[in-house]
């Protein structure tokens, strides 16, 4: 039995995916096998072409397009409803409820813990170590979690590493991620969440091959990379994400994924967004967002009531603000919505998404107005 099969929940080993009408039969010209309506939906054929038909389990065109973009083979990815579905999918596939644990490294993306709780999987934490304004993995804590000494301590089966970090904005040290992959070999799946990858590439002037862990998939059987079109591609509304891994792991996940994970309109928009004529303006928008982030960070640092502006390689900035609640209330009254966090090691913080130049100017006027009230 391979290491991946050994890590799967026992009852999923060898499980066959639901034989939907689209998966069990292909081709044909007269489709009468799925109880679909033969009539186009409301709006007429011009706006709902093929929407009366179920989509394929996986779109060949979409997966080939994203595989080419990510520099991997088409059989090394699954497309699904945002990276959030990928998070849930991995926990359902590898974590036996009440027994197998998910390891997270806070401060981190909140959906890892939520998905674990929804699947009744224990959550083990190995908080990031703060080094000035930087935060890196606590390798000793992760190693301890992977080698439990207490008899009732849960077995860690999935490790989530957010890189670049949300909500911190920084990158993890590559050598530390390599160490985690080595420590977890044969024991746990290591998931590197790259939702903000494109911003990090521009921020660090590194190529995808240099920065993304997708380029190491062939090296590590227990490596999974999560991607999304919600950030740099500007397509949060269509809910398209990807799970990248070796083909054996992808095949093991297929029976766990819904039989029709993406609606046809989302597939069409996503495929178009991965064309060369769309990738060029996307890259330009990322450059503009990074430039705006750098300008905004400088202005925020000049505000007397901001304690710390943390370095970022993303499209957002995290601020350490002792009067965070007052700032949030002031901004909300002015129609500006920000995100507040409170971390044990940092205290009150505010995360600001980088907007357009006009939006950022409006934000600074409002934040300057708050300073005048102090």
Protein backbone atom coordinates (compact mmCIF):
# COMPACT_ATOMS: atom_id res chain seq x y z
CA UNK A 1 0.00 0.00 0.00
CA UNK A 2 1.38 3.42 -0.95
CA UNK A 3 1.94 6.13 1.64
CA UNK A 4 -0.99 8.15 0.27
CA UNK A 5 -3.39 5.20 0.47
CA UNK A 6 -2.16 4.53 3.98
CA UNK A 7 -2.96 8.12 5.01
CA UNK A 8 -6.48 8.04 3.56
CA UNK A 9 -9.40 7.30 5.86
CA UNK A 10 -9.64 3.48 5.76
CA UNK A 11 -13.13 3.28 4.26
CA UNK A 12 -12.09 5.53 1.34
CA UNK A 13 -9.29 3.27 0.13
CA UNK A 14 -10.33 1.87 -3.20
CA UNK A 15 -13.63 3.74 -3.16
CA UNK A 16 -15.09 4.44 -6.59
CA UNK A 17 -16.49 7.87 -7.43
CA UNK A 18 -20.21 8.29 -8.02
CA UNK A 19 -20.85 7.26 -11.66
CA UNK A 20 -22.69 10.39 -12.76
CA UNK A 21 -24.24 10.59 -16.20
CA UNK A 22 -21.34 12.66 -17.48
CA UNK A 23 -18.61 10.39 -16.04
CA UNK A 24 -20.11 7.01 -16.89
CA UNK A 25 -20.85 7.82 -20.55
CA UNK A 26 -19.35 10.24 -23.06
CA UNK A 27 -19.97 11.25 -26.63
CA UNK A 28 -23.35 10.66 -28.15
CA UNK A 29 -25.71 13.09 -29.83
CA UNK A 30 -28.97 12.33 -28.03
CA UNK A 31 -28.58 12.83 -24.27
CA UNK A 32 -31.40 11.09 -22.40
CA UNK A 33 -29.44 9.59 -19.50
CA UNK A 34 -29.46 12.34 -16.81
CA UNK A 35 -33.10 13.43 -16.47
CA UNK A 36 -32.20 16.91 -17.71
CA UNK A 37 -34.67 19.30 -19.28
CA UNK A 38 -34.34 19.36 -23.07
CA UNK A 39 -35.26 23.06 -23.08
CA UNK A 40 -32.93 26.02 -22.48
CA UNK A 41 -33.36 27.86 -19.22
CA UNK A 42 -35.02 31.28 -18.83
CA UNK A 43 -33.40 33.94 -20.98
CA UNK A 44 -33.14 32.05 -24.23
CA UNK A 45 -30.41 30.01 -25.83
CA UNK A 46 -28.08 32.95 -26.42
CA UNK A 47 -27.54 33.53 -22.71
CA UNK A 48 -27.88 29.99 -21.35
CA UNK A 49 -26.18 27.79 -23.92
CA UNK A 50 -25.84 24.25 -22.49
CA UNK A 51 -26.95 25.41 -19.05
CA UNK A 52 -29.72 22.82 -19.15
CA UNK A 53 -26.99 20.14 -19.14
CA UNK A 54 -24.90 18.98 -16.22
CA UNK A 55 -21.24 19.97 -16.52
CA UNK A 56 -18.46 17.40 -16.64
CA UNK A 57 -16.89 16.28 -13.37
CA UNK A 58 -13.69 18.04 -14.48
CA UNK A 59 -13.42 20.40 -17.42
CA UNK A 60 -10.62 19.24 -19.72
CA UNK A 61 -10.13 22.73 -21.15
CA UNK A 62 -10.04 24.44 -17.76
CA UNK A 63 -7.72 21.90 -16.17
CA UNK A 64 -5.33 21.95 -19.11
CA UNK A 65 -5.28 25.74 -19.05
CA UNK A 66 -4.55 25.96 -15.34
CA UNK A 67 -2.02 23.14 -15.47
CA UNK A 68 -0.12 25.05 -18.16
CA UNK A 69 -0.30 28.20 -16.03
CA UNK A 70 0.96 26.37 -12.93
CA UNK A 71 3.63 24.39 -14.78
CA UNK A 72 2.27 20.94 -13.90
CA UNK A 73 0.54 18.04 -15.67
CA UNK A 74 -3.22 18.14 -16.16
CA UNK A 75 -3.64 14.96 -14.06
CA UNK A 76 -2.00 16.72 -11.11
CA UNK A 77 -4.93 18.98 -10.27
CA UNK A 78 -8.59 19.13 -9.36
CA UNK A 79 -10.78 22.16 -9.99
CA UNK A 80 -13.53 22.96 -7.50
CA UNK A 81 -15.48 25.73 -5.77
CA UNK A 82 -12.71 27.98 -4.49
CA UNK A 83 -9.78 26.88 -2.36
CA UNK A 84 -12.16 26.67 0.61
CA UNK A 85 -13.67 23.52 -0.90
CA UNK A 86 -10.14 22.17 -1.32
CA UNK A 87 -9.53 22.68 2.41
CA UNK A 88 -12.68 20.79 3.33
CA UNK A 89 -11.99 18.09 0.75
CA UNK A 90 -8.55 17.30 2.18
CA UNK A 91 -9.81 17.06 5.75
CA UNK A 92 -12.71 14.80 4.75
CA UNK A 93 -10.36 12.54 2.80
CA UNK A 94 -7.57 12.14 5.33
CA UNK A 95 -8.94 12.86 8.82
CA UNK A 96 -11.04 10.29 10.65
CA UNK A 97 -13.52 12.29 12.77
CA UNK A 98 -12.66 12.52 16.48
CA UNK A 99 -9.33 10.78 15.86
CA UNK A 100 -7.12 12.47 13.25
CA UNK A 101 -6.09 16.07 13.76
CA UNK A 102 -5.45 19.13 11.62
CA UNK A 103 -2.38 21.20 12.47
CA UNK A 104 -2.43 24.96 11.93
CA UNK A 105 0.14 27.67 12.62
CA UNK A 106 -1.64 30.76 13.95
CA UNK A 107 -2.00 33.57 13.17
CA UNK A 108 -3.37 32.01 9.99
CA UNK A 109 -6.40 31.71 7.73
CA UNK A 110 -9.46 30.96 9.84
CA UNK A 111 -11.13 28.45 7.51
CA UNK A 112 -8.60 25.72 8.33
CA UNK A 113 -9.91 25.47 11.89
CA UNK A 114 -13.54 25.97 10.85
CA UNK A 115 -13.34 23.15 8.29
CA UNK A 116 -11.70 20.89 10.87
CA UNK A 117 -14.43 21.62 13.40
CA UNK A 118 -17.16 20.99 10.82
CA UNK A 119 -15.60 17.58 10.17
CA UNK A 120 -15.20 16.89 13.91
CA UNK A 121 -11.42 16.75 13.63
CA UNK A 122 -9.26 18.01 16.52
CA UNK A 123 -7.20 21.12 15.84
CA UNK A 124 -3.57 21.16 16.98
CA UNK A 125 -1.74 24.51 16.98
CA UNK A 126 1.93 25.30 16.49
CA UNK A 127 1.93 29.12 16.64
CA UNK A 128 4.34 30.99 14.43
CA UNK A 129 7.47 32.33 16.08
CA UNK A 130 7.76 36.11 15.94
CA UNK A 131 11.13 37.50 14.95
CA UNK A 132 10.75 41.27 14.97
CA UNK A 133 8.09 41.97 12.35
CA UNK A 134 8.53 38.56 10.75
CA UNK A 135 6.78 35.29 11.62
CA UNK A 136 8.16 31.84 10.87
CA UNK A 137 7.36 28.20 11.59
CA UNK A 138 8.06 26.64 14.97
CA UNK A 139 9.67 23.46 13.65
CA UNK A 140 10.16 21.97 17.11
CA UNK A 141 6.46 22.35 17.92
CA UNK A 142 5.46 20.81 14.59
CA UNK A 143 7.81 17.88 15.13
CA UNK A 144 6.37 17.31 18.61
CA UNK A 145 2.83 17.35 17.20
CA UNK A 146 3.78 14.77 14.56
CA UNK A 147 5.28 12.51 17.22
CA UNK A 148 2.75 12.55 20.08
CA UNK A 149 3.98 11.26 23.42
CA UNK A 150 0.67 11.21 25.28
CA UNK A 151 -1.45 8.09 24.59
CA UNK A 152 -4.64 10.06 23.85
CA UNK A 153 -2.99 12.82 21.82
CA UNK A 154 -4.58 12.95 18.33
CA UNK A 155 -2.57 11.93 15.29
CA UNK A 156 -1.88 14.86 12.95
CA UNK A 157 -2.89 13.94 9.40
CA UNK A 158 -3.13 17.32 7.62
CA UNK A 159 -0.88 20.37 8.09
CA UNK A 160 -1.93 23.73 6.64
CA UNK A 161 0.76 26.30 5.82
CA UNK A 162 -0.50 29.64 4.49
CA UNK A 163 2.19 31.01 2.17
CA UNK A 164 2.00 33.98 1.72
CA UNK A 165 0.33 34.31 5.08
CA UNK A 166 -3.20 35.54 5.58
CA UNK A 167 -3.54 37.68 7.70
CA UNK A 168 0.15 38.52 8.20
CA UNK A 169 1.24 38.98 4.59
CA UNK A 170 4.72 37.47 4.85
CA UNK A 171 6.36 34.44 3.24
CA UNK A 172 7.57 31.37 5.12
CA UNK A 173 11.18 30.29 4.80
CA UNK A 174 11.46 27.65 2.04
CA UNK A 175 13.92 25.58 4.06
CA UNK A 176 11.39 25.39 6.89
CA UNK A 177 8.63 24.15 4.58
CA UNK A 178 11.05 21.54 3.25
CA UNK A 179 11.75 20.48 6.83
CA UNK A 180 8.03 20.12 7.55
CA UNK A 181 7.59 17.99 4.43
CA UNK A 182 10.43 15.75 5.60
CA UNK A 183 9.06 15.51 9.15
CA UNK A 184 5.58 14.66 7.84
CA UNK A 185 6.65 12.08 5.24
CA UNK A 186 4.49 8.98 5.69
CA UNK A 187 2.60 10.67 8.54
CA UNK A 188 0.67 13.67 7.21
CA UNK A 189 -0.29 15.68 4.16
CA UNK A 190 1.34 19.13 4.01
CA UNK A 191 -0.88 21.74 2.35
CA UNK A 192 0.71 24.97 1.11
CA UNK A 193 -2.01 27.55 0.50
CA UNK A 194 -0.85 29.92 -2.27
CA UNK A 195 -3.93 32.11 -2.62
CA UNK A 196 -1.78 35.27 -2.84
CA UNK A 197 1.06 33.80 -4.92
CA UNK A 198 0.88 36.28 -7.81
CA UNK A 199 1.30 39.26 -5.49
CA UNK A 200 4.28 37.61 -3.82
CA UNK A 201 5.93 36.98 -7.18
CA UNK A 202 5.74 40.67 -8.03
CA UNK A 203 6.71 41.77 -4.52
CA UNK A 204 9.84 39.59 -4.43
CA UNK A 205 10.69 39.69 -8.16
CA UNK A 206 10.80 35.89 -8.17
CA UNK A 207 9.40 33.60 -10.84
CA UNK A 208 6.61 31.11 -10.26
CA UNK A 209 9.09 28.24 -10.46
CA UNK A 210 11.25 29.86 -7.80
CA UNK A 211 8.46 30.80 -5.41
CA UNK A 212 5.62 28.31 -5.86
CA UNK A 213 5.61 24.89 -4.26
CA UNK A 214 3.79 23.55 -7.31
CA UNK A 215 7.24 23.14 -8.87
CA UNK A 216 8.11 20.62 -6.11
CA UNK A 217 5.03 18.41 -6.45
CA UNK A 218 6.98 15.67 -8.24
CA UNK A 219 9.48 15.60 -5.37
CA UNK A 220 7.09 15.23 -2.43
CA UNK A 221 4.29 12.65 -2.41
CA UNK A 222 2.69 14.31 0.64
CA UNK A 223 2.67 17.86 -0.79
CA UNK A 224 -0.56 19.60 -1.76
CA UNK A 225 -0.78 23.15 -3.13
CA UNK A 226 -4.00 25.17 -3.04
CA UNK A 227 -4.65 27.90 -5.61
CA UNK A 228 -7.55 30.22 -6.41
CA UNK A 229 -8.82 32.65 -9.02
CA UNK A 230 -10.40 34.82 -6.30
CA UNK A 231 -7.45 37.15 -5.66
CA UNK A 232 -5.09 38.24 -8.45
CA UNK A 233 -7.49 37.08 -11.17
CA UNK A 234 -10.29 39.19 -9.70
CA UNK A 235 -12.84 36.38 -9.97
CA UNK A 236 -14.00 35.83 -6.39
CA UNK A 237 -17.62 35.72 -7.54
CA UNK A 238 -17.28 32.66 -9.78
CA UNK A 239 -15.78 30.50 -6.99
CA UNK A 240 -13.02 28.59 -8.78
CA UNK A 241 -10.05 27.06 -7.00
CA UNK A 242 -7.59 24.24 -7.55
CA UNK A 243 -5.91 21.45 -5.60
CA UNK A 244 -2.48 20.54 -6.98
CA UNK A 245 -0.64 17.33 -6.05
CA UNK A 246 0.84 14.15 -7.46
CA UNK A 247 -1.57 12.18 -9.64
CA UNK A 248 -2.08 9.40 -7.07
CA UNK A 249 -3.23 11.87 -4.43
CA UNK A 250 -5.52 13.63 -6.91
CA UNK A 251 -7.09 10.29 -7.85
CA UNK A 252 -7.64 9.51 -4.17
CA UNK A 253 -9.54 12.80 -3.75
CA UNK A 254 -11.85 12.37 -6.74
CA UNK A 255 -14.42 10.09 -5.03
CA UNK A 256 -14.72 12.61 -2.18
CA UNK A 257 -15.43 15.58 -4.46
CA UNK A 258 -18.99 16.40 -5.52
CA UNK A 259 -19.92 14.90 -8.93
CA UNK A 260 -20.50 18.36 -10.47
CA UNK A 261 -18.15 20.67 -8.54
CA UNK A 262 -18.22 23.66 -10.90
CA UNK A 263 -21.14 25.19 -12.83
CA UNK A 264 -20.66 25.66 -16.55
CA UNK A 265 -20.70 29.50 -16.47
CA UNK A 266 -17.86 29.48 -13.93
CA UNK A 267 -15.90 27.03 -16.06
CA UNK A 268 -16.26 29.23 -19.14
CA UNK A 269 -15.21 32.44 -17.37
CA UNK A 270 -12.27 30.72 -15.64
CA UNK A 271 -11.01 29.17 -18.87
CA UNK A 272 -11.13 32.54 -20.63
CA UNK A 273 -9.24 34.14 -17.73
CA UNK A 274 -6.35 31.73 -18.28
CA UNK A 275 -5.88 32.68 -21.92
CA UNK A 276 -2.78 34.65 -22.86
CA UNK A 277 -4.81 37.73 -23.77
CA UNK A 278 -6.27 37.73 -20.23
CA UNK A 279 -3.09 36.83 -18.32
CA UNK A 280 -1.25 39.92 -19.54
CA UNK A 281 -3.71 42.45 -18.05
CA UNK A 282 -3.99 40.32 -14.88
CA UNK A 283 -0.23 40.62 -14.38
CA UNK A 284 -0.43 44.37 -14.93
CA UNK A 285 -3.17 44.69 -12.34
CA UNK A 286 -1.02 42.78 -9.86
CA UNK A 287 1.86 45.19 -10.47
CA UNK A 288 -0.48 48.13 -9.88
CA UNK A 289 -1.82 46.56 -6.68
CA UNK A 290 1.68 45.97 -5.31
CA UNK A 291 2.68 49.55 -6.15
CA UNK A 292 -0.43 50.85 -4.39
CA UNK A 293 0.29 48.64 -1.39
CA UNK A 294 3.78 50.07 -1.05
CA UNK A 295 2.48 53.65 -1.23
CA UNK A 296 -0.34 52.92 1.21
CA UNK A 297 2.04 51.27 3.69
CA UNK A 298 4.22 54.38 3.75
CA UNK A 299 1.22 56.60 4.46
CA UNK A 300 -0.11 54.29 7.17
CA UNK A 301 3.27 54.22 8.89
CA UNK A 302 3.09 58.00 9.25
CA UNK A 303 -0.10 57.82 11.33
CA UNK A 304 0.76 58.39 14.98
CA UNK A 305 -1.82 55.92 16.31
CA UNK A 306 -0.52 53.01 14.21
CA UNK A 307 1.97 51.01 16.25
CA UNK A 308 3.24 48.67 13.51
CA UNK A 309 2.78 48.24 9.77
CA UNK A 310 3.79 44.66 9.05
CA UNK A 311 5.67 43.91 5.81
CA UNK A 312 3.46 42.34 3.14
CA UNK A 313 3.90 40.38 -0.07
CA UNK A 314 0.15 40.29 -0.74
CA UNK A 315 -2.69 42.67 -1.64
CA UNK A 316 -3.37 43.63 1.97
CA UNK A 317 -1.61 45.24 4.93
CA UNK A 318 -1.83 44.25 8.59
CA UNK A 319 -1.61 47.01 11.18
CA UNK A 320 -1.00 46.71 14.90
CA UNK A 321 -3.40 49.28 16.36
CA UNK A 322 -4.01 49.58 20.14
CA UNK A 323 -7.26 51.51 19.47
CA UNK A 324 -8.48 49.06 16.83
CA UNK A 325 -12.11 49.02 17.98
CA UNK A 326 -12.37 52.81 17.86
CA UNK A 327 -10.78 52.90 14.40
CA UNK A 328 -13.15 50.23 13.13
CA UNK A 329 -16.20 52.07 14.47
CA UNK A 330 -15.03 55.39 12.99
CA UNK A 331 -14.40 53.84 9.57
CA UNK A 332 -17.66 51.93 9.52
CA UNK A 333 -19.58 55.11 10.32
CA UNK A 334 -17.89 56.62 7.27
CA UNK A 335 -18.88 53.66 5.10
CA UNK A 336 -15.44 52.00 5.05
CA UNK A 337 -15.26 48.32 5.98
CA UNK A 338 -11.99 46.90 7.30
CA UNK A 339 -11.19 43.62 9.11
CA UNK A 340 -10.26 43.43 12.79
CA UNK A 341 -8.19 40.69 14.42
CA UNK A 342 -6.90 40.09 17.92
CA UNK A 343 -3.93 37.80 18.30
CA UNK A 344 -2.49 36.69 21.67
CA UNK A 345 1.03 37.70 20.67
CA UNK A 346 0.12 40.98 18.93
CA UNK A 347 -3.05 42.32 20.49
CA UNK A 348 -5.55 44.30 18.41
CA UNK A 349 -4.83 44.45 14.67
CA UNK A 350 -6.57 45.71 11.55
CA UNK A 351 -6.19 44.24 8.07
CA UNK A 352 -6.69 46.59 5.12
CA UNK A 353 -7.23 45.30 1.59
CA UNK A 354 -5.49 47.41 -1.03
CA UNK A 355 -8.07 49.19 -3.16
CA UNK A 356 -7.85 51.32 -6.27
CA UNK A 357 -5.81 54.56 -6.07
CA UNK A 358 -9.04 56.51 -5.57
CA UNK A 359 -10.24 54.14 -2.84
CA UNK A 360 -6.91 54.30 -1.05
CA UNK A 361 -6.95 58.11 -1.11
CA UNK A 362 -10.45 58.11 0.35
CA UNK A 363 -9.33 55.67 3.04
CA UNK A 364 -6.38 57.86 4.03
CA UNK A 365 -8.61 60.93 4.32
CA UNK A 366 -10.87 59.05 6.71
CA UNK A 367 -7.99 57.59 8.73
CA UNK A 368 -6.40 61.03 8.99
CA UNK A 369 -9.74 62.30 10.25
CA UNK A 370 -9.69 59.67 12.98
CA UNK A 371 -6.28 60.91 14.06
CA UNK A 372 -7.68 64.40 14.50
CA UNK A 373 -10.24 63.08 17.00
CA UNK A 374 -7.57 61.66 19.30
